[in-house]
Amino acid sequence: MQEKKENGLSRKNIAIRLLYTVLYLVIFEIIKLIVQIAVVFQYIYLLITLSYNDSVRSFSNKVSTYTYEVMRYLTLNQNQRPFPLNDFPAEIDEPVEHVSFR
């Protein structure tokens, strides 16, 4: 049992991580709503103007990166807590220059 406590594995640490996990599950649900709103807005904008909104694309790309980090934390694949307890992540991939609809 002593060996497990040296590695940081204790019921107290697990309970603390569980509380953060519950917080990030709530944040994840909010993110899902934000993504849904962004998608609907982007397609309405696209249908009206026949061009996409670069600001929404950039925002959505950043939210995608953040969502990835939240999911990694929730699934115990990352130890660093995501935003708002740390910095907002940088984009992993840049958006494509041209979007194809074929």
N, C-alpha and C. Protein backbone atom coordinates (compact mmCIF):
# COMPACT_ATOMS: atom_id res chain seq x y z
N MET A 1 0.82 -1.19 0.00
CA MET A 1 0.00 0.00 0.00
C MET A 1 0.87 1.26 0.00
N GLN A 2 1.98 1.20 0.69
CA GLN A 2 2.89 2.34 0.75
C GLN A 2 3.39 2.71 -0.65
N GLU A 3 3.67 1.71 -1.47
CA GLU A 3 4.17 1.94 -2.83
C GLU A 3 3.16 2.74 -3.66
N LYS A 4 1.90 2.46 -3.51
CA LYS A 4 0.88 3.17 -4.27
C LYS A 4 0.77 4.63 -3.84
N LYS A 5 0.92 4.91 -2.57
CA LYS A 5 0.85 6.29 -2.09
C LYS A 5 2.04 7.11 -2.60
N GLU A 6 3.21 6.49 -2.76
CA GLU A 6 4.37 7.20 -3.28
C GLU A 6 4.14 7.63 -4.73
N ASN A 7 3.36 6.87 -5.48
CA ASN A 7 3.06 7.22 -6.87
C ASN A 7 1.90 8.21 -6.97
N GLY A 8 1.37 8.65 -5.85
CA GLY A 8 0.27 9.61 -5.86
C GLY A 8 -1.09 8.95 -5.92
N LEU A 9 -1.14 7.63 -5.84
CA LEU A 9 -2.42 6.93 -5.92
C LEU A 9 -2.94 6.68 -4.51
N SER A 10 -3.93 7.48 -4.14
CA SER A 10 -4.59 7.31 -2.85
C SER A 10 -6.06 7.63 -3.05
N ARG A 11 -6.88 7.21 -2.13
CA ARG A 11 -8.31 7.48 -2.25
C ARG A 11 -8.60 8.99 -2.26
N LYS A 12 -7.83 9.73 -1.50
CA LYS A 12 -8.01 11.18 -1.46
C LYS A 12 -7.72 11.80 -2.82
N ASN A 13 -6.61 11.40 -3.43
CA ASN A 13 -6.25 11.92 -4.75
C ASN A 13 -7.26 11.50 -5.82
N ILE A 14 -7.75 10.27 -5.71
CA ILE A 14 -8.76 9.79 -6.65
C ILE A 14 -10.05 10.59 -6.48
N ALA A 15 -10.45 10.87 -5.25
CA ALA A 15 -11.66 11.64 -4.99
C ALA A 15 -11.54 13.06 -5.52
N ILE A 16 -10.37 13.67 -5.36
CA ILE A 16 -10.15 15.02 -5.88
C ILE A 16 -10.22 15.02 -7.40
N ARG A 17 -9.59 14.03 -8.01
CA ARG A 17 -9.64 13.92 -9.48
C ARG A 17 -11.08 13.69 -9.93
N LEU A 18 -11.84 12.91 -9.19
CA LEU A 18 -13.24 12.65 -9.52
C LEU A 18 -14.05 13.94 -9.48
N LEU A 19 -13.81 14.78 -8.49
CA LEU A 19 -14.52 16.07 -8.41
C LEU A 19 -14.18 16.96 -9.61
N TYR A 20 -12.91 17.00 -9.99
CA TYR A 20 -12.53 17.76 -11.18
C TYR A 20 -13.17 17.15 -12.44
N THR A 21 -13.26 15.84 -12.47
CA THR A 21 -13.87 15.16 -13.61
C THR A 21 -15.34 15.55 -13.74
N VAL A 22 -16.05 15.62 -12.63
CA VAL A 22 -17.45 16.04 -12.66
C VAL A 22 -17.55 17.47 -13.19
N LEU A 23 -16.66 18.35 -12.74
CA LEU A 23 -16.64 19.73 -13.23
C LEU A 23 -16.43 19.75 -14.74
N TYR A 24 -15.47 18.97 -15.24
CA TYR A 24 -15.18 18.97 -16.66
C TYR A 24 -16.26 18.26 -17.48
N LEU A 25 -17.01 17.36 -16.87
CA LEU A 25 -18.16 16.78 -17.56
C LEU A 25 -19.23 17.85 -17.81
N VAL A 26 -19.43 18.71 -16.83
CA VAL A 26 -20.37 19.83 -17.02
C VAL A 26 -19.85 20.77 -18.10
N ILE A 27 -18.57 21.09 -18.04
CA ILE A 27 -17.96 21.96 -19.05
C ILE A 27 -18.09 21.32 -20.44
N PHE A 28 -17.90 20.01 -20.51
CA PHE A 28 -18.02 19.29 -21.78
C PHE A 28 -19.42 19.44 -22.37
N GLU A 29 -20.44 19.35 -21.53
CA GLU A 29 -21.82 19.53 -22.00
C GLU A 29 -22.04 20.95 -22.53
N ILE A 30 -21.44 21.93 -21.88
CA ILE A 30 -21.55 23.31 -22.35
C ILE A 30 -20.84 23.46 -23.69
N ILE A 31 -19.69 22.82 -23.82
CA ILE A 31 -18.94 22.86 -25.09
C ILE A 31 -19.78 22.26 -26.21
N LYS A 32 -20.44 21.15 -25.93
CA LYS A 32 -21.28 20.53 -26.96
C LYS A 32 -22.35 21.50 -27.46
N LEU A 33 -22.97 22.21 -26.55
CA LEU A 33 -23.98 23.19 -26.92
C LEU A 33 -23.37 24.32 -27.77
N ILE A 34 -22.21 24.79 -27.38
CA ILE A 34 -21.53 25.85 -28.11
C ILE A 34 -21.19 25.39 -29.53
N VAL A 35 -20.72 24.16 -29.66
CA VAL A 35 -20.38 23.63 -30.99
C VAL A 35 -21.65 23.51 -31.84
N GLN A 36 -22.72 23.04 -31.25
CA GLN A 36 -23.97 22.92 -32.00
C GLN A 36 -24.45 24.28 -32.50
N ILE A 37 -24.38 25.27 -31.66
CA ILE A 37 -24.78 26.62 -32.06
C ILE A 37 -23.87 27.15 -33.17
N ALA A 38 -22.57 26.92 -33.04
CA ALA A 38 -21.62 27.39 -34.06
C ALA A 38 -21.88 26.70 -35.40
N VAL A 39 -22.17 25.41 -35.38
CA VAL A 39 -22.44 24.68 -36.62
C VAL A 39 -23.70 25.20 -37.30
N VAL A 40 -24.76 25.34 -36.53
CA VAL A 40 -26.01 25.85 -37.10
C VAL A 40 -25.81 27.26 -37.66
N PHE A 41 -25.15 28.11 -36.89
CA PHE A 41 -24.90 29.48 -37.36
C PHE A 41 -24.08 29.46 -38.64
N GLN A 42 -23.02 28.64 -38.67
CA GLN A 42 -22.14 28.60 -39.84
C GLN A 42 -22.90 28.17 -41.09
N TYR A 43 -23.77 27.18 -40.97
CA TYR A 43 -24.52 26.73 -42.14
C TYR A 43 -25.59 27.73 -42.57
N ILE A 44 -26.23 28.38 -41.63
CA ILE A 44 -27.18 29.44 -42.00
C ILE A 44 -26.45 30.57 -42.72
N TYR A 45 -25.31 30.97 -42.18
CA TYR A 45 -24.49 32.01 -42.81
C TYR A 45 -24.05 31.57 -44.20
N LEU A 46 -23.64 30.32 -44.31
CA LEU A 46 -23.18 29.78 -45.59
C LEU A 46 -24.31 29.76 -46.62
N LEU A 47 -25.49 29.35 -46.21
CA LEU A 47 -26.62 29.32 -47.14
C LEU A 47 -27.03 30.72 -47.59
N ILE A 48 -26.90 31.70 -46.73
CA ILE A 48 -27.30 33.07 -47.08
C ILE A 48 -26.24 33.76 -47.94
N THR A 49 -24.98 33.64 -47.55
CA THR A 49 -23.91 34.40 -48.22
C THR A 49 -23.11 33.59 -49.24
N LEU A 50 -23.26 32.27 -49.22
CA LEU A 50 -22.49 31.36 -50.07
C LEU A 50 -20.99 31.42 -49.78
N SER A 51 -20.64 31.85 -48.58
CA SER A 51 -19.26 31.79 -48.09
C SER A 51 -19.30 31.54 -46.59
N TYR A 52 -18.26 30.95 -46.09
CA TYR A 52 -18.22 30.65 -44.67
C TYR A 52 -17.63 31.82 -43.90
N ASN A 53 -17.91 31.82 -42.61
CA ASN A 53 -17.45 32.88 -41.73
C ASN A 53 -16.11 32.45 -41.12
N ASP A 54 -15.04 33.16 -41.48
CA ASP A 54 -13.70 32.79 -41.00
C ASP A 54 -13.58 32.88 -39.49
N SER A 55 -14.23 33.84 -38.89
CA SER A 55 -14.15 33.99 -37.43
C SER A 55 -14.77 32.80 -36.72
N VAL A 56 -15.90 32.33 -37.22
CA VAL A 56 -16.56 31.17 -36.62
C VAL A 56 -15.72 29.91 -36.86
N ARG A 57 -15.13 29.79 -38.05
CA ARG A 57 -14.25 28.64 -38.32
C ARG A 57 -13.06 28.62 -37.36
N SER A 58 -12.44 29.76 -37.16
CA SER A 58 -11.28 29.85 -36.26
C SER A 58 -11.69 29.52 -34.82
N PHE A 59 -12.80 30.12 -34.38
CA PHE A 59 -13.30 29.84 -33.04
C PHE A 59 -13.62 28.35 -32.87
N SER A 60 -14.28 27.77 -33.85
CA SER A 60 -14.65 26.36 -33.78
C SER A 60 -13.42 25.46 -33.74
N ASN A 61 -12.39 25.86 -34.47
CA ASN A 61 -11.15 25.08 -34.45
C ASN A 61 -10.50 25.11 -33.07
N LYS A 62 -10.51 26.27 -32.44
CA LYS A 62 -9.95 26.40 -31.08
C LYS A 62 -10.78 25.59 -30.08
N VAL A 63 -12.11 25.64 -30.23
CA VAL A 63 -12.98 24.87 -29.34
C VAL A 63 -12.75 23.37 -29.53
N SER A 64 -12.49 22.95 -30.76
CA SER A 64 -12.21 21.54 -31.03
C SER A 64 -10.94 21.08 -30.30
N THR A 65 -9.93 21.92 -30.34
CA THR A 65 -8.69 21.60 -29.63
C THR A 65 -8.93 21.52 -28.12
N TYR A 66 -9.69 22.46 -27.60
CA TYR A 66 -10.01 22.46 -26.17
C TYR A 66 -10.82 21.23 -25.80
N THR A 67 -11.78 20.87 -26.64
CA THR A 67 -12.60 19.69 -26.39
C THR A 67 -11.74 18.44 -26.34
N TYR A 68 -10.78 18.37 -27.24
CA TYR A 68 -9.84 17.24 -27.25
C TYR A 68 -9.10 17.14 -25.92
N GLU A 69 -8.62 18.26 -25.42
CA GLU A 69 -7.91 18.24 -24.14
C GLU A 69 -8.83 17.84 -22.98
N VAL A 70 -10.05 18.33 -22.99
CA VAL A 70 -11.02 17.97 -21.94
C VAL A 70 -11.28 16.47 -21.98
N MET A 71 -11.47 15.93 -23.17
CA MET A 71 -11.74 14.50 -23.30
C MET A 71 -10.55 13.66 -22.83
N ARG A 72 -9.35 14.12 -23.15
CA ARG A 72 -8.15 13.39 -22.68
C ARG A 72 -8.07 13.40 -21.16
N TYR A 73 -8.42 14.54 -20.54
CA TYR A 73 -8.41 14.61 -19.08
C TYR A 73 -9.48 13.71 -18.48
N LEU A 74 -10.68 13.75 -19.06
CA LEU A 74 -11.79 12.95 -18.53
C LEU A 74 -11.50 11.45 -18.62
N THR A 75 -10.81 11.03 -19.67
CA THR A 75 -10.55 9.61 -19.89
C THR A 75 -9.22 9.14 -19.28
N LEU A 76 -8.65 9.98 -18.42
CA LEU A 76 -7.40 9.67 -17.70
C LEU A 76 -6.21 9.49 -18.63
N ASN A 77 -6.20 10.20 -19.75
CA ASN A 77 -5.08 10.15 -20.68
C ASN A 77 -4.22 11.41 -20.63
N GLN A 78 -4.57 12.30 -19.72
CA GLN A 78 -3.81 13.54 -19.54
C GLN A 78 -3.95 13.95 -18.08
N ASN A 79 -2.85 14.39 -17.49
CA ASN A 79 -2.87 14.80 -16.09
C ASN A 79 -3.09 16.30 -15.92
N GLN A 80 -2.65 17.08 -16.87
CA GLN A 80 -2.80 18.54 -16.76
C GLN A 80 -4.26 18.91 -16.94
N ARG A 81 -4.78 19.67 -15.99
CA ARG A 81 -6.17 20.10 -16.07
C ARG A 81 -6.32 21.14 -17.16
N PRO A 82 -7.36 21.00 -17.98
CA PRO A 82 -7.58 21.97 -19.06
C PRO A 82 -8.06 23.32 -18.52
N PHE A 83 -8.23 24.26 -19.43
CA PHE A 83 -8.81 25.56 -19.13
C PHE A 83 -10.15 25.34 -18.43
N PRO A 84 -10.54 26.02 -17.43
CA PRO A 84 -10.08 27.30 -16.91
C PRO A 84 -9.03 27.19 -15.82
N LEU A 85 -8.56 26.00 -15.52
CA LEU A 85 -7.55 25.86 -14.48
C LEU A 85 -6.14 25.97 -15.03
N ASN A 86 -6.00 26.01 -16.33
CA ASN A 86 -4.74 26.24 -17.02
C ASN A 86 -5.01 27.10 -18.24
N ASP A 87 -3.98 27.37 -19.00
CA ASP A 87 -4.13 28.20 -20.19
C ASP A 87 -4.99 27.51 -21.25
N PHE A 88 -5.66 28.33 -22.05
CA PHE A 88 -6.43 27.79 -23.17
C PHE A 88 -5.44 27.22 -24.18
N PRO A 89 -5.69 26.04 -24.73
CA PRO A 89 -4.70 25.40 -25.61
C PRO A 89 -4.56 26.09 -26.95
N ALA A 90 -3.39 25.95 -27.52
CA ALA A 90 -3.15 26.43 -28.88
C ALA A 90 -3.79 25.44 -29.86
N GLU A 91 -4.09 25.91 -31.06
CA GLU A 91 -4.70 25.04 -32.06
C GLU A 91 -3.72 23.92 -32.44
N ILE A 92 -4.25 22.72 -32.62
CA ILE A 92 -3.42 21.59 -33.04
C ILE A 92 -3.17 21.68 -34.53
N ASP A 93 -4.23 21.85 -35.30
CA ASP A 93 -4.15 21.96 -36.76
C ASP A 93 -4.81 23.25 -37.21
N GLU A 94 -4.26 23.83 -38.23
CA GLU A 94 -4.87 25.01 -38.84
C GLU A 94 -6.06 24.56 -39.68
N PRO A 95 -7.09 25.39 -39.80
CA PRO A 95 -8.21 25.05 -40.68
C PRO A 95 -7.74 24.95 -42.14
N VAL A 96 -8.40 24.13 -42.91
CA VAL A 96 -8.06 24.04 -44.33
C VAL A 96 -8.38 25.36 -45.00
N GLU A 97 -7.65 25.67 -46.08
CA GLU A 97 -7.88 26.95 -46.75
C GLU A 97 -9.19 26.98 -47.52
N HIS A 98 -9.51 25.86 -48.16
CA HIS A 98 -10.72 25.81 -48.97
C HIS A 98 -11.58 24.63 -48.51
N VAL A 99 -12.84 24.90 -48.27
CA VAL A 99 -13.78 23.86 -47.84
C VAL A 99 -14.50 23.32 -49.07
N SER A 100 -14.51 22.01 -49.22
CA SER A 100 -15.15 21.38 -50.37
C SER A 100 -16.50 20.83 -49.98
N PHE A 101 -17.47 20.94 -50.87
CA PHE A 101 -18.82 20.44 -50.60
C PHE A 101 -19.22 19.35 -51.58
N ARG A 102 -18.30 18.59 -52.04
CA ARG A 102 -18.59 17.48 -52.96
C ARG A 102 -18.77 16.20 -52.24
